[in-house]
Amino acid sequence: MSDGTSLAQAALPADCKAETVGVAFFDLSRLSEWASSEQDEQVGRFFQGFYALAARQIEGAGGRIVKFMGDAGLAVFSTEAAENVILALCDFAREARELAGRFGFDAYLNVNVHVGPVLTGSFGPAGAERFDVIGKTVNIAARLGRRGVTLSAQAFRCLSDDGRKRFDKLMQPITYRFRG
């Protein structure tokens, strides 16, 4: 058996399970421009503040940060915590913009949120496994791709009537953007 065949037969992690969750992608605009002209220590200070802000908002509302990659990140949350986490993500977007302003650059935190089925578990090479989420729901969240906080229809349906009033409906595909 070739190595390619054996890799195609790789087992799923022992803790792998299928579940329905909310998935949020976030990415800060304009950071690269600013970071290229700043001292590394200043950029590092910004990231420490940005990561702390993300944790306070997302985890404080009942979500889980799966990973960061520079100024971008992936978070998940239960459908029961959806409204709290979605509204916390809206606050996170506003506070991240304010934080960037204190560091001297104009930025927007773009957040895409979708709810659906995923596989969760400790994925990765032996000895370096980390919690992750895999599936079409993750890909849909990644591609919503609008500016600001954008919800899929599935994420929007997790909100109460009061929560829904804070978003405007967009078309093609139908998404909802936080009014701010």
Protein backbone atom coordinates (compact mmCIF):
# COMPACT_ATOMS: atom_id res chain seq x y z
CA MET A 1 0.00 0.00 0.00
CA SER A 2 1.41 3.39 -0.98
CA ASP A 3 1.66 6.20 1.53
CA GLY A 4 -1.09 8.10 -0.31
CA THR A 5 -3.47 5.16 0.06
CA SER A 6 -2.72 4.77 3.77
CA LEU A 7 -3.28 8.50 4.33
CA ALA A 8 -6.66 8.22 2.60
CA GLN A 9 -7.54 5.51 5.14
CA ALA A 10 -6.59 7.63 8.17
CA ALA A 11 -8.90 7.14 11.14
CA LEU A 12 -10.94 9.98 12.56
CA PRO A 13 -9.91 11.14 16.04
CA ALA A 14 -11.26 9.06 18.93
CA ASP A 15 -13.14 12.10 20.27
CA CYS A 16 -14.63 13.01 16.88
CA LYS A 17 -18.36 13.62 16.91
CA ALA A 18 -20.99 15.14 14.65
CA GLU A 19 -22.88 18.06 16.13
CA THR A 20 -24.70 21.22 15.13
CA VAL A 21 -22.91 24.39 16.20
CA GLY A 22 -22.46 28.01 15.30
CA VAL A 23 -19.25 28.82 13.46
CA ALA A 24 -17.77 32.33 13.31
CA PHE A 25 -14.86 33.53 11.21
CA PHE A 26 -13.38 36.92 12.00
CA ASP A 27 -10.69 38.90 10.21
CA LEU A 28 -9.38 42.40 10.81
CA SER A 29 -9.01 44.57 7.70
CA ARG A 30 -5.99 46.79 7.02
CA LEU A 31 -3.69 45.26 9.62
CA SER A 32 -0.99 44.28 7.11
CA GLU A 33 -0.57 47.86 5.91
CA TRP A 34 -0.17 49.15 9.45
CA ALA A 35 2.03 46.31 10.69
CA SER A 36 4.50 46.70 7.82
CA SER A 37 5.42 50.20 9.03
CA GLU A 38 5.40 49.56 12.80
CA GLN A 39 7.96 48.10 15.18
CA ASP A 40 7.44 44.41 15.90
CA GLU A 41 6.97 45.12 19.61
CA GLN A 42 4.09 47.51 18.87
CA VAL A 43 2.47 44.94 16.58
CA GLY A 44 2.93 42.31 19.30
CA ARG A 45 1.23 44.58 21.85
CA PHE A 46 -1.68 45.07 19.48
CA PHE A 47 -2.08 41.31 19.00
CA GLN A 48 -2.00 40.67 22.75
CA GLY A 49 -4.79 43.20 23.22
CA PHE A 50 -6.74 41.85 20.23
CA TYR A 51 -6.50 38.24 21.47
CA ALA A 52 -7.53 39.24 24.99
CA LEU A 53 -10.48 41.19 23.59
CA ALA A 54 -11.56 38.20 21.47
CA ALA A 55 -11.37 35.85 24.45
CA ARG A 56 -13.27 38.22 26.73
CA GLN A 57 -16.08 38.73 24.23
CA ILE A 58 -16.39 35.25 22.67
CA GLU A 59 -15.59 33.01 25.62
CA GLY A 60 -17.37 35.36 28.01
CA ALA A 61 -20.57 34.83 26.02
CA GLY A 62 -20.25 31.03 25.95
CA GLY A 63 -18.27 30.51 22.74
CA ARG A 64 -14.93 28.80 22.17
CA ILE A 65 -12.02 30.18 20.18
CA VAL A 66 -10.73 27.33 18.03
CA LYS A 67 -7.73 29.13 16.57
CA PHE A 68 -6.10 32.39 15.65
CA MET A 69 -4.02 33.06 12.56
CA GLY A 70 -2.65 36.54 12.98
CA ASP A 71 -5.58 38.94 12.89
CA ALA A 72 -8.06 36.23 11.87
CA GLY A 73 -9.75 33.58 13.93
CA LEU A 74 -12.30 30.80 14.10
CA ALA A 75 -14.76 30.35 16.95
CA VAL A 76 -17.63 27.97 17.65
CA PHE A 77 -20.61 28.04 19.96
CA SER A 78 -23.64 25.96 20.87
CA THR A 79 -26.99 26.86 19.39
CA GLU A 80 -28.20 27.53 22.96
CA ALA A 81 -25.55 30.26 23.32
CA ALA A 82 -26.05 31.60 19.78
CA GLU A 83 -27.72 34.91 20.61
CA ASN A 84 -25.24 35.74 23.39
CA VAL A 85 -22.24 34.90 21.21
CA ILE A 86 -23.55 36.63 18.08
CA LEU A 87 -24.22 39.85 19.99
CA ALA A 88 -20.81 39.53 21.70
CA LEU A 89 -19.24 39.23 18.23
CA CYS A 90 -20.96 42.51 17.30
CA ASP A 91 -19.43 44.12 20.40
CA PHE A 92 -16.08 42.52 19.55
CA ALA A 93 -16.20 44.09 16.06
CA ARG A 94 -16.82 47.55 17.54
CA GLU A 95 -14.18 47.18 20.26
CA ALA A 96 -11.58 45.79 17.82
CA ARG A 97 -12.06 48.89 15.66
CA GLU A 98 -11.59 51.09 18.73
CA LEU A 99 -8.47 49.14 19.75
CA ALA A 100 -6.98 49.57 16.27
CA GLY A 101 -7.69 53.30 16.49
CA ARG A 102 -5.77 53.50 19.77
CA PHE A 103 -2.82 51.94 17.95
CA GLY A 104 -3.10 54.47 15.13
CA PHE A 105 -4.82 52.64 12.31
CA ASP A 106 -8.29 52.45 10.85
CA ALA A 107 -9.62 48.89 10.68
CA TYR A 108 -12.84 46.90 10.56
CA LEU A 109 -13.39 43.48 12.04
CA ASN A 110 -15.31 41.41 9.52
CA VAL A 111 -17.26 38.55 11.11
CA ASN A 112 -19.13 35.78 9.28
CA VAL A 113 -21.48 33.48 11.23
CA HIS A 114 -23.26 30.31 10.11
CA VAL A 115 -24.97 27.50 12.03
CA GLY A 116 -25.03 23.87 10.91
CA PRO A 117 -23.55 20.38 11.24
CA VAL A 118 -19.80 19.87 11.72
CA LEU A 119 -17.36 17.25 12.93
CA THR A 120 -15.57 18.29 16.12
CA GLY A 121 -12.56 16.63 17.66
CA SER A 122 -8.82 16.63 18.22
CA PHE A 123 -7.49 16.72 14.66
CA GLY A 124 -3.85 16.86 13.63
CA PRO A 125 -0.68 14.80 13.44
CA ALA A 126 0.15 12.46 16.32
CA GLY A 127 1.38 14.42 19.30
CA ALA A 128 0.14 17.76 17.95
CA GLU A 129 -3.62 17.22 17.93
CA ARG A 130 -5.83 20.24 18.58
CA PHE A 131 -9.55 20.78 18.85
CA ASP A 132 -10.95 21.72 15.45
CA VAL A 133 -14.18 21.80 13.46
CA ILE A 134 -14.51 20.29 9.99
CA GLY A 135 -17.32 20.39 7.44
CA LYS A 136 -19.44 22.30 4.97
CA THR A 137 -20.74 24.61 7.70
CA VAL A 138 -17.20 25.89 8.25
CA ASN A 139 -16.76 26.52 4.52
CA ILE A 140 -20.08 28.36 4.28
CA ALA A 141 -19.14 30.62 7.20
CA ALA A 142 -15.78 31.35 5.59
CA ARG A 143 -17.39 32.39 2.30
CA LEU A 144 -20.17 34.68 3.54
CA GLY A 145 -17.59 37.38 2.92
CA ARG A 146 -19.29 40.66 3.59
CA ARG A 147 -18.02 43.68 5.47
CA GLY A 148 -19.08 43.97 9.11
CA VAL A 149 -20.94 41.26 11.04
CA THR A 150 -22.78 39.00 8.60
CA LEU A 151 -25.11 36.16 9.55
CA SER A 152 -26.42 33.36 7.38
CA ALA A 153 -30.17 32.77 7.49
CA GLN A 154 -29.50 29.75 9.75
CA ALA A 155 -27.60 31.90 12.25
CA PHE A 156 -30.23 34.65 12.07
CA ARG A 157 -32.95 32.13 12.98
CA CYS A 158 -31.13 31.47 16.29
CA LEU A 159 -31.87 35.04 17.44
CA SER A 160 -34.85 36.24 19.44
CA ASP A 161 -37.22 38.78 17.91
CA ASP A 162 -35.35 41.55 19.75
CA GLY A 163 -32.00 40.25 18.49
CA ARG A 164 -33.28 40.08 14.92
CA LYS A 165 -34.27 43.75 15.01
CA ARG A 166 -30.58 44.65 15.21
CA PHE A 167 -29.83 43.26 11.73
CA ASP A 168 -30.72 44.29 8.18
CA LYS A 169 -31.62 41.69 5.56
CA LEU A 170 -29.36 41.49 2.51
CA MET A 171 -30.08 39.52 -0.65
CA GLN A 172 -28.19 36.98 -2.79
CA PRO A 173 -27.49 35.00 -0.76
CA ILE A 174 -29.79 36.07 2.03
CA THR A 175 -27.66 37.25 4.91
CA TYR A 176 -28.19 39.69 7.77
CA ARG A 177 -25.81 42.55 8.70
CA PHE A 178 -25.62 44.13 12.16
CA ARG A 179 -26.83 47.74 12.11
CA GLY A 180 -24.26 48.91 14.63
